[in-house]
Amino acid sequence: MRARRALLYVPGDDRHKIEKSLTLGVDCICMDMEDGVALNRKAEARATIARALQELDFGRSERLARINPVGSGLEKDDIEAVLPHHPDGIVIPKIESPEQIQWASGKIEAAELANGWPVNSIRLIVDMETARGILNLKEIASHSRLDALIFGAEDFAASVGATRTAEAWEVFYARSAVVTAASAYGLHAIDMVTIDFRDIERVRREAEYGALLGYTGKQIIHPNQVAPVQEAFTPDDEAIAHARRLVEAFDEHQAKGSGAFALDGKMIDMPLVKAAQNVLARAHTAGKV
């Protein structure tokens, strides 16, 4: 899997901000046609994103386009404007049923076949941000074209009538459900936005806690959030060294026919081995090993 530590949203109607995003070294650039664009600017966003996909060099950054929700009446024009220019992925907000994913998947597959592109070369990423969507997570997460689930805390809280707090306990159930479903189906899990982008320490704390929960990345809305988020989802050298030593010791004991074993005064069994393997996998996607 490619690294998706930081997913940056950029208003799709603002060419300058799209160009600025190319200089940030961010993992994913999501050019938005939904919440970040006024209703009377939707057509401009479609055209601007299409030109950006044609004309700009995104380097190693993943090129994503977020359409308006399926059922909004805008989604068909949105997806048809960008598909001919082969984005790396389409992001769909407010997903509530597998039928909505299937509609988008059908559109994408038709474009792939018409242009001679490999099937599944354009991936789907979906925003889980409503009560109904959370209840239907199992059916949604099992779709074969999906690459990632995104948790939208602000919209989810609004959908259930909760009041958002810094502690985020009001969204903890849904936040945990999303990362669990993503893990069950081998998907990336991208955590909630920190809307107070000036509070870098809060960004860092929320990113670190998201990583502890099992998320593989976090949504961001400002350049100031790139560094703390990428750091939070990248194991440091000490963690990598410890994980490598643990895995090597496990392999040695397995070769000798031993099961659980002691390392640094701790009993090591399969859950700890898997945790170490996960650390090394995250380090690999971040280019550190």
C-alpha atoms as a PDB file:
ATOM      1  CA  MET A   1       0.000   0.000   0.000  1.00  0.00           C
ATOM      2  CA  ARG A   2       1.113   3.545  -0.674  1.00  0.00           C
ATOM      3  CA  ALA A   3       1.566   6.022   2.165  1.00  0.00           C
ATOM      4  CA  ARG A   4      -1.538   7.973   3.080  1.00  0.00           C
ATOM      5  CA  ARG A   5      -0.408   9.642   6.275  1.00  0.00           C
ATOM      6  CA  ALA A   6      -1.720  13.113   5.416  1.00  0.00           C
ATOM      7  CA  LEU A   7      -4.658  13.739   3.085  1.00  0.00           C
ATOM      8  CA  LEU A   8      -4.882  17.440   2.249  1.00  0.00           C
ATOM      9  CA  TYR A   9      -8.153  18.962   1.036  1.00  0.00           C
ATOM     10  CA  VAL A  10      -7.823  21.801  -1.452  1.00  0.00           C
ATOM     11  CA  PRO A  11     -10.757  23.817  -2.868  1.00  0.00           C
ATOM     12  CA  GLY A  12     -11.183  22.568  -6.424  1.00  0.00           C
ATOM     13  CA  ASP A  13     -11.982  26.002  -7.806  1.00  0.00           C
ATOM     14  CA  ASP A  14      -8.723  27.572  -6.586  1.00  0.00           C
ATOM     15  CA  ARG A  15      -5.853  26.871  -9.008  1.00  0.00           C
ATOM     16  CA  HIS A  16      -3.397  28.801  -6.837  1.00  0.00           C
ATOM     17  CA  LYS A  17      -4.058  26.612  -3.789  1.00  0.00           C
ATOM     18  CA  ILE A  18      -3.784  23.465  -5.885  1.00  0.00           C
ATOM     19  CA  GLU A  19      -0.394  24.604  -7.176  1.00  0.00           C
ATOM     20  CA  LYS A  20       0.691  25.525  -3.637  1.00  0.00           C
ATOM     21  CA  SER A  21      -0.213  22.025  -2.427  1.00  0.00           C
ATOM     22  CA  LEU A  22       2.319  20.538  -4.857  1.00  0.00           C
ATOM     23  CA  THR A  23       5.158  22.129  -2.861  1.00  0.00           C
ATOM     24  CA  LEU A  24       4.190  20.633   0.522  1.00  0.00           C
ATOM     25  CA  GLY A  25       5.404  17.044   0.164  1.00  0.00           C
ATOM     26  CA  VAL A  26       1.981  15.809   1.229  1.00  0.00           C
ATOM     27  CA  ASP A  27       0.987  12.175   0.624  1.00  0.00           C
ATOM     28  CA  CYS A  28      -2.445  12.828  -0.904  1.00  0.00           C
ATOM     29  CA  ILE A  29      -3.930  15.935  -2.498  1.00  0.00           C
ATOM     30  CA  CYS A  30      -7.721  15.848  -2.607  1.00  0.00           C
ATOM     31  CA  MET A  31      -9.154  18.490  -4.915  1.00  0.00           C
ATOM     32  CA  ASP A  32     -12.607  19.182  -3.554  1.00  0.00           C
ATOM     33  CA  MET A  33     -15.896  19.778  -5.321  1.00  0.00           C
ATOM     34  CA  GLU A  34     -18.017  19.355  -2.193  1.00  0.00           C
ATOM     35  CA  ASP A  35     -17.921  21.348   1.058  1.00  0.00           C
ATOM     36  CA  GLY A  36     -14.929  23.451   0.068  1.00  0.00           C
ATOM     37  CA  VAL A  37     -16.710  24.939  -2.952  1.00  0.00           C
ATOM     38  CA  ALA A  38     -19.707  27.300  -3.053  1.00  0.00           C
ATOM     39  CA  LEU A  39     -22.771  26.102  -4.946  1.00  0.00           C
ATOM     40  CA  ASN A  40     -22.305  28.722  -7.659  1.00  0.00           C
ATOM     41  CA  ARG A  41     -18.661  27.623  -8.142  1.00  0.00           C
ATOM     42  CA  LYS A  42     -19.204  23.892  -8.741  1.00  0.00           C
ATOM     43  CA  ALA A  43     -18.774  24.150 -12.530  1.00  0.00           C
ATOM     44  CA  GLU A  44     -15.574  26.172 -12.080  1.00  0.00           C
ATOM     45  CA  ALA A  45     -14.236  23.539  -9.673  1.00  0.00           C
ATOM     46  CA  ARG A  46     -14.875  20.734 -12.175  1.00  0.00           C
ATOM     47  CA  ALA A  47     -13.056  22.608 -14.925  1.00  0.00           C
ATOM     48  CA  THR A  48     -10.157  23.660 -12.679  1.00  0.00           C
ATOM     49  CA  ILE A  49      -9.582  20.115 -11.398  1.00  0.00           C
ATOM     50  CA  ALA A  50      -9.731  18.694 -14.916  1.00  0.00           C
ATOM     51  CA  ARG A  51      -7.077  21.167 -16.079  1.00  0.00           C
ATOM     52  CA  ALA A  52      -4.917  20.487 -13.013  1.00  0.00           C
ATOM     53  CA  LEU A  53      -4.970  16.750 -13.702  1.00  0.00           C
ATOM     54  CA  GLN A  54      -3.897  17.440 -17.288  1.00  0.00           C
ATOM     55  CA  GLU A  55      -1.305  20.153 -16.727  1.00  0.00           C
ATOM     56  CA  LEU A  56       0.321  19.813 -13.297  1.00  0.00           C
ATOM     57  CA  ASP A  57       3.028  17.460 -12.045  1.00  0.00           C
ATOM     58  CA  PHE A  58       1.891  16.099  -8.684  1.00  0.00           C
ATOM     59  CA  GLY A  59       5.164  14.264  -8.131  1.00  0.00           C
ATOM     60  CA  ARG A  60       4.719  11.524  -5.526  1.00  0.00           C
ATOM     61  CA  SER A  61       1.479  12.986  -4.181  1.00  0.00           C
ATOM     62  CA  GLU A  62      -1.655  10.960  -4.833  1.00  0.00           C
ATOM     63  CA  ARG A  63      -4.134  12.823  -7.049  1.00  0.00           C
ATOM     64  CA  LEU A  64      -7.657  12.584  -5.638  1.00  0.00           C
ATOM     65  CA  ALA A  65     -10.905  14.332  -6.561  1.00  0.00           C
ATOM     66  CA  ARG A  66     -13.845  14.545  -4.161  1.00  0.00           C
ATOM     67  CA  ILE A  67     -17.255  14.696  -5.792  1.00  0.00           C
ATOM     68  CA  ASN A  68     -20.535  15.794  -4.226  1.00  0.00           C
ATOM     69  CA  PRO A  69     -22.666  13.171  -2.450  1.00  0.00           C
ATOM     70  CA  VAL A  70     -24.443  10.534  -4.498  1.00  0.00           C
ATOM     71  CA  GLY A  71     -28.030  11.749  -4.660  1.00  0.00           C
ATOM     72  CA  SER A  72     -27.149  15.445  -4.526  1.00  0.00           C
ATOM     73  CA  GLY A  73     -27.821  15.916  -8.228  1.00  0.00           C
ATOM     74  CA  LEU A  74     -24.246  17.137  -8.741  1.00  0.00           C
ATOM     75  CA  GLU A  75     -22.367  13.834  -8.577  1.00  0.00           C
ATOM     76  CA  LYS A  76     -22.808  12.789 -12.224  1.00  0.00           C
ATOM     77  CA  ASP A  77     -21.382  16.019 -13.652  1.00  0.00           C
ATOM     78  CA  ASP A  78     -18.591  15.961 -11.059  1.00  0.00           C
ATOM     79  CA  ILE A  79     -17.353  12.446 -11.767  1.00  0.00           C
ATOM     80  CA  GLU A  80     -17.710  12.731 -15.535  1.00  0.00           C
ATOM     81  CA  ALA A  81     -15.647  15.944 -15.550  1.00  0.00           C
ATOM     82  CA  VAL A  82     -12.591  14.366 -13.913  1.00  0.00           C
ATOM     83  CA  LEU A  83     -12.600  10.699 -14.953  1.00  0.00           C
ATOM     84  CA  PRO A  84     -11.254  11.310 -18.487  1.00  0.00           C
ATOM     85  CA  HIS A  85      -8.048  12.697 -16.906  1.00  0.00           C
ATOM     86  CA  HIS A  86      -7.379   9.578 -14.792  1.00  0.00           C
ATOM     87  CA  PRO A  87      -7.142  10.757 -11.177  1.00  0.00           C
ATOM     88  CA  ASP A  88      -5.585   8.209  -8.859  1.00  0.00           C
ATOM     89  CA  GLY A  89      -8.819   8.028  -6.928  1.00  0.00           C
ATOM     90  CA  ILE A  90     -12.312   9.382  -6.410  1.00  0.00           C
ATOM     91  CA  VAL A  91     -13.478  10.380  -2.938  1.00  0.00           C
ATOM     92  CA  ILE A  92     -17.209  10.138  -2.225  1.00  0.00           C
ATOM     93  CA  PRO A  93     -18.632  11.957   0.816  1.00  0.00           C
ATOM     94  CA  LYS A  94     -21.504  10.919   3.082  1.00  0.00           C
ATOM     95  CA  ILE A  95     -21.663   7.320   1.913  1.00  0.00           C
ATOM     96  CA  GLU A  96     -24.558   5.428   3.455  1.00  0.00           C
ATOM     97  CA  SER A  97     -25.081   2.322   1.312  1.00  0.00           C
ATOM     98  CA  PRO A  98     -23.145  -0.071  -0.941  1.00  0.00           C
ATOM     99  CA  GLU A  99     -25.422   0.937  -3.824  1.00  0.00           C
ATOM    100  CA  GLN A 100     -23.888   4.415  -3.805  1.00  0.00           C
ATOM    101  CA  ILE A 101     -20.429   2.889  -4.117  1.00  0.00           C
ATOM    102  CA  GLN A 102     -21.595   0.603  -6.898  1.00  0.00           C
ATOM    103  CA  TRP A 103     -22.908   3.578  -8.882  1.00  0.00           C
ATOM    104  CA  ALA A 104     -19.490   5.269  -8.736  1.00  0.00           C
ATOM    105  CA  SER A 105     -17.629   2.024  -9.385  1.00  0.00           C
ATOM    106  CA  GLY A 106     -19.695   1.463 -12.524  1.00  0.00           C
ATOM    107  CA  LYS A 107     -18.863   4.922 -13.817  1.00  0.00           C
ATOM    108  CA  ILE A 108     -15.170   4.409 -13.113  1.00  0.00           C
ATOM    109  CA  GLU A 109     -15.018   0.965 -14.707  1.00  0.00           C
ATOM    110  CA  ALA A 110     -16.735   2.259 -17.847  1.00  0.00           C
ATOM    111  CA  ALA A 111     -14.067   4.983 -18.127  1.00  0.00           C
ATOM    112  CA  GLU A 112     -11.262   2.474 -17.562  1.00  0.00           C
ATOM    113  CA  LEU A 113     -12.557   0.131 -20.259  1.00  0.00           C
ATOM    114  CA  ALA A 114     -13.251   2.942 -22.726  1.00  0.00           C
ATOM    115  CA  ASN A 115      -9.715   4.297 -22.374  1.00  0.00           C
ATOM    116  CA  GLY A 116      -7.865   0.986 -22.200  1.00  0.00           C
ATOM    117  CA  TRP A 117      -6.770   1.569 -18.596  1.00  0.00           C
ATOM    118  CA  PRO A 118      -6.352  -1.368 -16.182  1.00  0.00           C
ATOM    119  CA  VAL A 119      -9.521  -2.123 -14.257  1.00  0.00           C
ATOM    120  CA  ASN A 120      -9.205  -0.830 -10.668  1.00  0.00           C
ATOM    121  CA  SER A 121      -6.461   1.619 -11.655  1.00  0.00           C
ATOM    122  CA  ILE A 122      -8.737   4.372 -10.312  1.00  0.00           C
ATOM    123  CA  ARG A 123      -9.559   3.608  -6.705  1.00  0.00           C
ATOM    124  CA  LEU A 124     -12.445   4.640  -4.473  1.00  0.00           C
ATOM    125  CA  ILE A 125     -12.169   6.282  -1.063  1.00  0.00           C
ATOM    126  CA  VAL A 126     -15.312   7.009   0.930  1.00  0.00           C
ATOM    127  CA  ASP A 127     -16.208   9.368   3.748  1.00  0.00           C
ATOM    128  CA  MET A 128     -18.035   7.713   6.642  1.00  0.00           C
ATOM    129  CA  GLU A 129     -19.780  10.615   8.325  1.00  0.00           C
ATOM    130  CA  THR A 130     -23.431   9.794   8.999  1.00  0.00           C
ATOM    131  CA  ALA A 131     -25.232   7.556  11.472  1.00  0.00           C
ATOM    132  CA  ARG A 132     -26.674   5.419   8.688  1.00  0.00           C
ATOM    133  CA  GLY A 133     -23.271   5.039   7.083  1.00  0.00           C
ATOM    134  CA  ILE A 134     -21.761   3.799  10.337  1.00  0.00           C
ATOM    135  CA  LEU A 135     -24.568   1.255  10.751  1.00  0.00           C
ATOM    136  CA  ASN A 136     -23.882  -0.051   7.220  1.00  0.00           C
ATOM    137  CA  LEU A 137     -20.083  -0.178   7.566  1.00  0.00           C
ATOM    138  CA  LYS A 138     -19.727  -3.923   6.992  1.00  0.00           C
ATOM    139  CA  GLU A 139     -21.530  -3.864   3.651  1.00  0.00           C
ATOM    140  CA  ILE A 140     -19.788  -0.682   2.550  1.00  0.00           C
ATOM    141  CA  ALA A 141     -16.232  -1.706   3.502  1.00  0.00           C
ATOM    142  CA  SER A 142     -16.436  -5.005   1.633  1.00  0.00           C
ATOM    143  CA  HIS A 143     -16.577  -3.426  -1.850  1.00  0.00           C
ATOM    144  CA  SER A 144     -13.650  -4.590  -3.973  1.00  0.00           C
ATOM    145  CA  ARG A 145     -12.751  -1.177  -5.426  1.00  0.00           C
ATOM    146  CA  LEU A 146     -12.343   0.540  -2.068  1.00  0.00           C
ATOM    147  CA  ASP A 147      -8.893   1.580  -0.889  1.00  0.00           C
ATOM    148  CA  ALA A 148      -9.711   3.584   2.218  1.00  0.00           C
ATOM    149  CA  LEU A 149     -12.347   4.705   4.686  1.00  0.00           C
ATOM    150  CA  ILE A 150     -12.310   8.288   5.961  1.00  0.00           C
ATOM    151  CA  PHE A 151     -13.932   9.218   9.265  1.00  0.00           C
ATOM    152  CA  GLY A 152     -15.748  12.565   9.216  1.00  0.00           C
ATOM    153  CA  ALA A 153     -16.243  13.527  12.867  1.00  0.00           C
ATOM    154  CA  GLU A 154     -17.910  16.905  12.340  1.00  0.00           C
ATOM    155  CA  ASP A 155     -20.595  15.625   9.984  1.00  0.00           C
ATOM    156  CA  PHE A 156     -21.130  12.498  12.070  1.00  0.00           C
ATOM    157  CA  ALA A 157     -21.655  14.548  15.234  1.00  0.00           C
ATOM    158  CA  ALA A 158     -24.151  16.726  13.388  1.00  0.00           C
ATOM    159  CA  SER A 159     -25.986  13.673  12.063  1.00  0.00           C
ATOM    160  CA  VAL A 160     -26.609  12.308  15.582  1.00  0.00           C
ATOM    161  CA  GLY A 161     -27.102  15.666  17.304  1.00  0.00           C
ATOM    162  CA  ALA A 162     -23.908  15.457  19.345  1.00  0.00           C
ATOM    163  CA  THR A 163     -21.860  18.434  20.500  1.00  0.00           C
ATOM    164  CA  ARG A 164     -18.213  18.276  19.446  1.00  0.00           C
ATOM    165  CA  THR A 165     -15.657  18.527  22.213  1.00  0.00           C
ATOM    166  CA  ALA A 166     -11.871  18.488  22.327  1.00  0.00           C
ATOM    167  CA  GLU A 167     -11.937  15.096  24.056  1.00  0.00           C
ATOM    168  CA  ALA A 168     -14.001  13.630  21.167  1.00  0.00           C
ATOM    169  CA  TRP A 169     -15.749  11.003  23.309  1.00  0.00           C
ATOM    170  CA  GLU A 170     -19.010  11.846  21.532  1.00  0.00           C
ATOM    171  CA  VAL A 171     -17.580  10.389  18.301  1.00  0.00           C
ATOM    172  CA  PHE A 172     -15.465   7.618  19.822  1.00  0.00           C
ATOM    173  CA  TYR A 173     -17.831   4.777  18.917  1.00  0.00           C
ATOM    174  CA  ALA A 174     -18.003   5.761  15.244  1.00  0.00           C
ATOM    175  CA  ARG A 175     -14.277   6.550  15.116  1.00  0.00           C
ATOM    176  CA  SER A 176     -13.484   3.076  16.453  1.00  0.00           C
ATOM    177  CA  ALA A 177     -16.029   1.410  14.168  1.00  0.00           C
ATOM    178  CA  VAL A 178     -14.440   2.937  11.060  1.00  0.00           C
ATOM    179  CA  VAL A 179     -10.899   1.825  11.887  1.00  0.00           C
ATOM    180  CA  THR A 180     -12.178  -1.643  12.812  1.00  0.00           C
ATOM    181  CA  ALA A 181     -14.020  -2.064   9.502  1.00  0.00           C
ATOM    182  CA  ALA A 182     -11.016  -0.792   7.569  1.00  0.00           C
ATOM    183  CA  SER A 183      -8.729  -3.285   9.273  1.00  0.00           C
ATOM    184  CA  ALA A 184     -11.181  -6.149   8.683  1.00  0.00           C
ATOM    185  CA  TYR A 185     -11.143  -5.520   4.929  1.00  0.00           C
ATOM    186  CA  GLY A 186      -7.510  -4.488   4.462  1.00  0.00           C
ATOM    187  CA  LEU A 187      -8.206  -0.796   3.827  1.00  0.00           C
ATOM    188  CA  HIS A 188      -6.455   2.391   4.829  1.00  0.00           C
ATOM    189  CA  ALA A 189      -8.224   4.247   7.640  1.00  0.00           C
ATOM    190  CA  ILE A 190      -7.964   8.034   7.530  1.00  0.00           C
ATOM    191  CA  ASP A 191      -8.843   9.884  10.722  1.00  0.00           C
ATOM    192  CA  MET A 192     -10.853  13.033  11.387  1.00  0.00           C
ATOM    193  CA  VAL A 193      -9.870  16.631  10.643  1.00  0.00           C
ATOM    194  CA  THR A 194      -8.607  18.954  13.358  1.00  0.00           C
ATOM    195  CA  ILE A 195     -10.561  22.039  12.362  1.00  0.00           C
ATOM    196  CA  ASP A 196      -8.571  24.419  14.588  1.00  0.00           C
ATOM    197  CA  PHE A 197      -5.607  24.425  12.219  1.00  0.00           C
ATOM    198  CA  ARG A 198      -3.734  27.080  14.211  1.00  0.00           C
ATOM    199  CA  ASP A 199      -3.471  24.821  17.263  1.00  0.00           C
ATOM    200  CA  ILE A 200      -0.541  22.679  16.152  1.00  0.00           C
ATOM    201  CA  GLU A 201      -0.241  20.875  19.484  1.00  0.00           C
ATOM    202  CA  ARG A 202      -3.864  19.765  19.243  1.00  0.00           C
ATOM    203  CA  VAL A 203      -3.221  18.569  15.692  1.00  0.00           C
ATOM    204  CA  ARG A 204      -0.250  16.591  16.975  1.00  0.00           C
ATOM    205  CA  ARG A 205      -2.162  15.101  19.913  1.00  0.00           C
ATOM    206  CA  GLU A 206      -5.122  14.072  17.783  1.00  0.00           C
ATOM    207  CA  ALA A 207      -2.853  12.588  15.120  1.00  0.00           C
ATOM    208  CA  GLU A 208      -0.859  10.607  17.679  1.00  0.00           C
ATOM    209  CA  TYR A 209      -4.043   9.297  19.283  1.00  0.00           C
ATOM    210  CA  GLY A 210      -5.454   8.368  15.880  1.00  0.00           C
ATOM    211  CA  ALA A 211      -2.302   6.382  15.187  1.00  0.00           C
ATOM    212  CA  LEU A 212      -2.697   4.604  18.536  1.00  0.00           C
ATOM    213  CA  LEU A 213      -6.258   3.665  17.551  1.00  0.00           C
ATOM    214  CA  GLY A 214      -4.933   2.055  14.375  1.00  0.00           C
ATOM    215  CA  TYR A 215      -5.553   4.768  11.800  1.00  0.00           C
ATOM    216  CA  THR A 216      -2.997   4.962   9.015  1.00  0.00           C
ATOM    217  CA  GLY A 217      -3.431   8.663   8.256  1.00  0.00           C
ATOM    218  CA  LYS A 218      -5.358  11.849   8.956  1.00  0.00           C
ATOM    219  CA  GLN A 219      -7.244  14.465   6.972  1.00  0.00           C
ATOM    220  CA  ILE A 220      -5.725  17.946   6.965  1.00  0.00           C
ATOM    221  CA  ILE A 221      -6.925  21.343   5.789  1.00  0.00           C
ATOM    222  CA  HIS A 222      -3.869  23.582   6.131  1.00  0.00           C
ATOM    223  CA  PRO A 223      -0.149  23.402   5.263  1.00  0.00           C
ATOM    224  CA  ASN A 224       0.742  23.846   8.962  1.00  0.00           C
ATOM    225  CA  GLN A 225      -0.780  20.440   9.660  1.00  0.00           C
ATOM    226  CA  VAL A 226       1.387  18.460   7.212  1.00  0.00           C
ATOM    227  CA  ALA A 227       4.511  17.967   9.346  1.00  0.00           C
ATOM    228  CA  PRO A 228       2.907  16.997  12.683  1.00  0.00           C
ATOM    229  CA  VAL A 229       0.535  14.566  10.978  1.00  0.00           C
ATOM    230  CA  GLN A 230       3.219  12.876   8.898  1.00  0.00           C
ATOM    231  CA  GLU A 231       5.426  12.572  11.991  1.00  0.00           C
ATOM    232  CA  ALA A 232       2.610  11.026  14.039  1.00  0.00           C
ATOM    233  CA  PHE A 233       2.000   8.315  11.458  1.00  0.00           C
ATOM    234  CA  THR A 234       5.672   7.552  10.819  1.00  0.00           C
ATOM    235  CA  PRO A 235       7.445   5.305  13.355  1.00  0.00           C
ATOM    236  CA  ASP A 236      10.606   6.867  14.757  1.00  0.00           C
ATOM    237  CA  ASP A 237      14.009   5.206  14.547  1.00  0.00           C
ATOM    238  CA  GLU A 238      13.776   3.777  18.066  1.00  0.00           C
ATOM    239  CA  ALA A 239      10.394   2.154  17.385  1.00  0.00           C
ATOM    240  CA  ILE A 240      11.640   0.727  14.095  1.00  0.00           C
ATOM    241  CA  ALA A 241      14.798  -0.702  15.696  1.00  0.00           C
ATOM    242  CA  HIS A 242      12.798  -2.328  18.502  1.00  0.00           C
ATOM    243  CA  ALA A 243      10.250  -3.785  16.079  1.00  0.00           C
ATOM    244  CA  ARG A 244      12.973  -5.186  13.849  1.00  0.00           C
ATOM    245  CA  ARG A 245      14.756  -6.768  16.825  1.00  0.00           C
ATOM    246  CA  LEU A 246      11.529  -8.314  18.076  1.00  0.00           C
ATOM    247  CA  VAL A 247      10.635  -9.767  14.674  1.00  0.00           C
ATOM    248  CA  GLU A 248      14.152 -11.138  14.193  1.00  0.00           C
ATOM    249  CA  ALA A 249      14.026 -12.756  17.636  1.00  0.00           C
ATOM    250  CA  PHE A 250      10.642 -14.257  16.811  1.00  0.00           C
ATOM    251  CA  ASP A 251      12.000 -15.742  13.578  1.00  0.00           C
ATOM    252  CA  GLU A 252      14.959 -17.223  15.437  1.00  0.00           C
ATOM    253  CA  HIS A 253      12.734 -18.827  18.072  1.00  0.00           C
ATOM    254  CA  GLN A 254      10.352 -20.149  15.430  1.00  0.00           C
ATOM    255  CA  ALA A 255      13.283 -21.798  13.658  1.00  0.00           C
ATOM    256  CA  LYS A 256      14.165 -23.511  16.940  1.00  0.00           C
ATOM    257  CA  GLY A 257      10.581 -24.670  17.437  1.00  0.00           C
ATOM    258  CA  SER A 258       9.887 -22.246  20.293  1.00  0.00           C
ATOM    259  CA  GLY A 259       6.595 -20.391  20.690  1.00  0.00           C
ATOM    260  CA  ALA A 260       6.400 -17.553  23.213  1.00  0.00           C
ATOM    261  CA  PHE A 261       9.750 -16.180  24.390  1.00  0.00           C
ATOM    262  CA  ALA A 262      11.218 -13.452  26.616  1.00  0.00           C
ATOM    263  CA  LEU A 263      12.774 -10.243  25.292  1.00  0.00           C
ATOM    264  CA  ASP A 264      13.889  -7.323  27.467  1.00  0.00           C
ATOM    265  CA  GLY A 265      12.079  -8.828  30.438  1.00  0.00           C
ATOM    266  CA  LYS A 266       8.765  -9.191  28.628  1.00  0.00           C
ATOM    267  CA  MET A 267       6.967 -12.274  27.389  1.00  0.00           C
ATOM    268  CA  ILE A 268       6.541 -12.029  23.629  1.00  0.00           C
ATOM    269  CA  ASP A 269       3.673 -13.775  21.863  1.00  0.00           C
ATOM    270  CA  MET A 270       1.831 -13.327  18.571  1.00  0.00           C
ATOM    271  CA  PRO A 271      -0.102 -10.120  19.368  1.00  0.00           C
ATOM    272  CA  LEU A 272       3.168  -8.323  20.134  1.00  0.00           C
ATOM    273  CA  VAL A 273       4.797  -9.810  17.039  1.00  0.00           C
ATOM    274  CA  LYS A 274       1.933  -8.577  14.881  1.00  0.00           C
ATOM    275  CA  ALA A 275       2.208  -5.129  16.448  1.00  0.00           C
ATOM    276  CA  ALA A 276       5.919  -5.048  15.580  1.00  0.00           C
ATOM    277  CA  GLN A 277       5.176  -6.161  12.035  1.00  0.00           C
ATOM    278  CA  ASN A 278       2.655  -3.334  11.750  1.00  0.00           C
ATOM    279  CA  VAL A 279       5.311  -0.836  12.837  1.00  0.00           C
ATOM    280  CA  LEU A 280       7.663  -2.091  10.127  1.00  0.00           C
ATOM    281  CA  ALA A 281       4.865  -1.981   7.531  1.00  0.00           C
ATOM    282  CA  ARG A 282       4.108   1.667   8.383  1.00  0.00           C
ATOM    283  CA  ALA A 283       7.816   2.481   8.228  1.00  0.00           C
ATOM    284  CA  HIS A 284       8.018   0.819   4.814  1.00  0.00           C
ATOM    285  CA  THR A 285       5.114   2.807   3.353  1.00  0.00           C
ATOM    286  CA  ALA A 286       6.722   5.975   4.714  1.00  0.00           C
ATOM    287  CA  GLY A 287       9.999   5.075   2.977  1.00  0.00           C
ATOM    288  CA  LYS A 288      12.018   4.579   6.178  1.00  0.00           C
ATOM    289  CA  VAL A 289      12.888   0.895   5.649  1.00  0.00           C
END
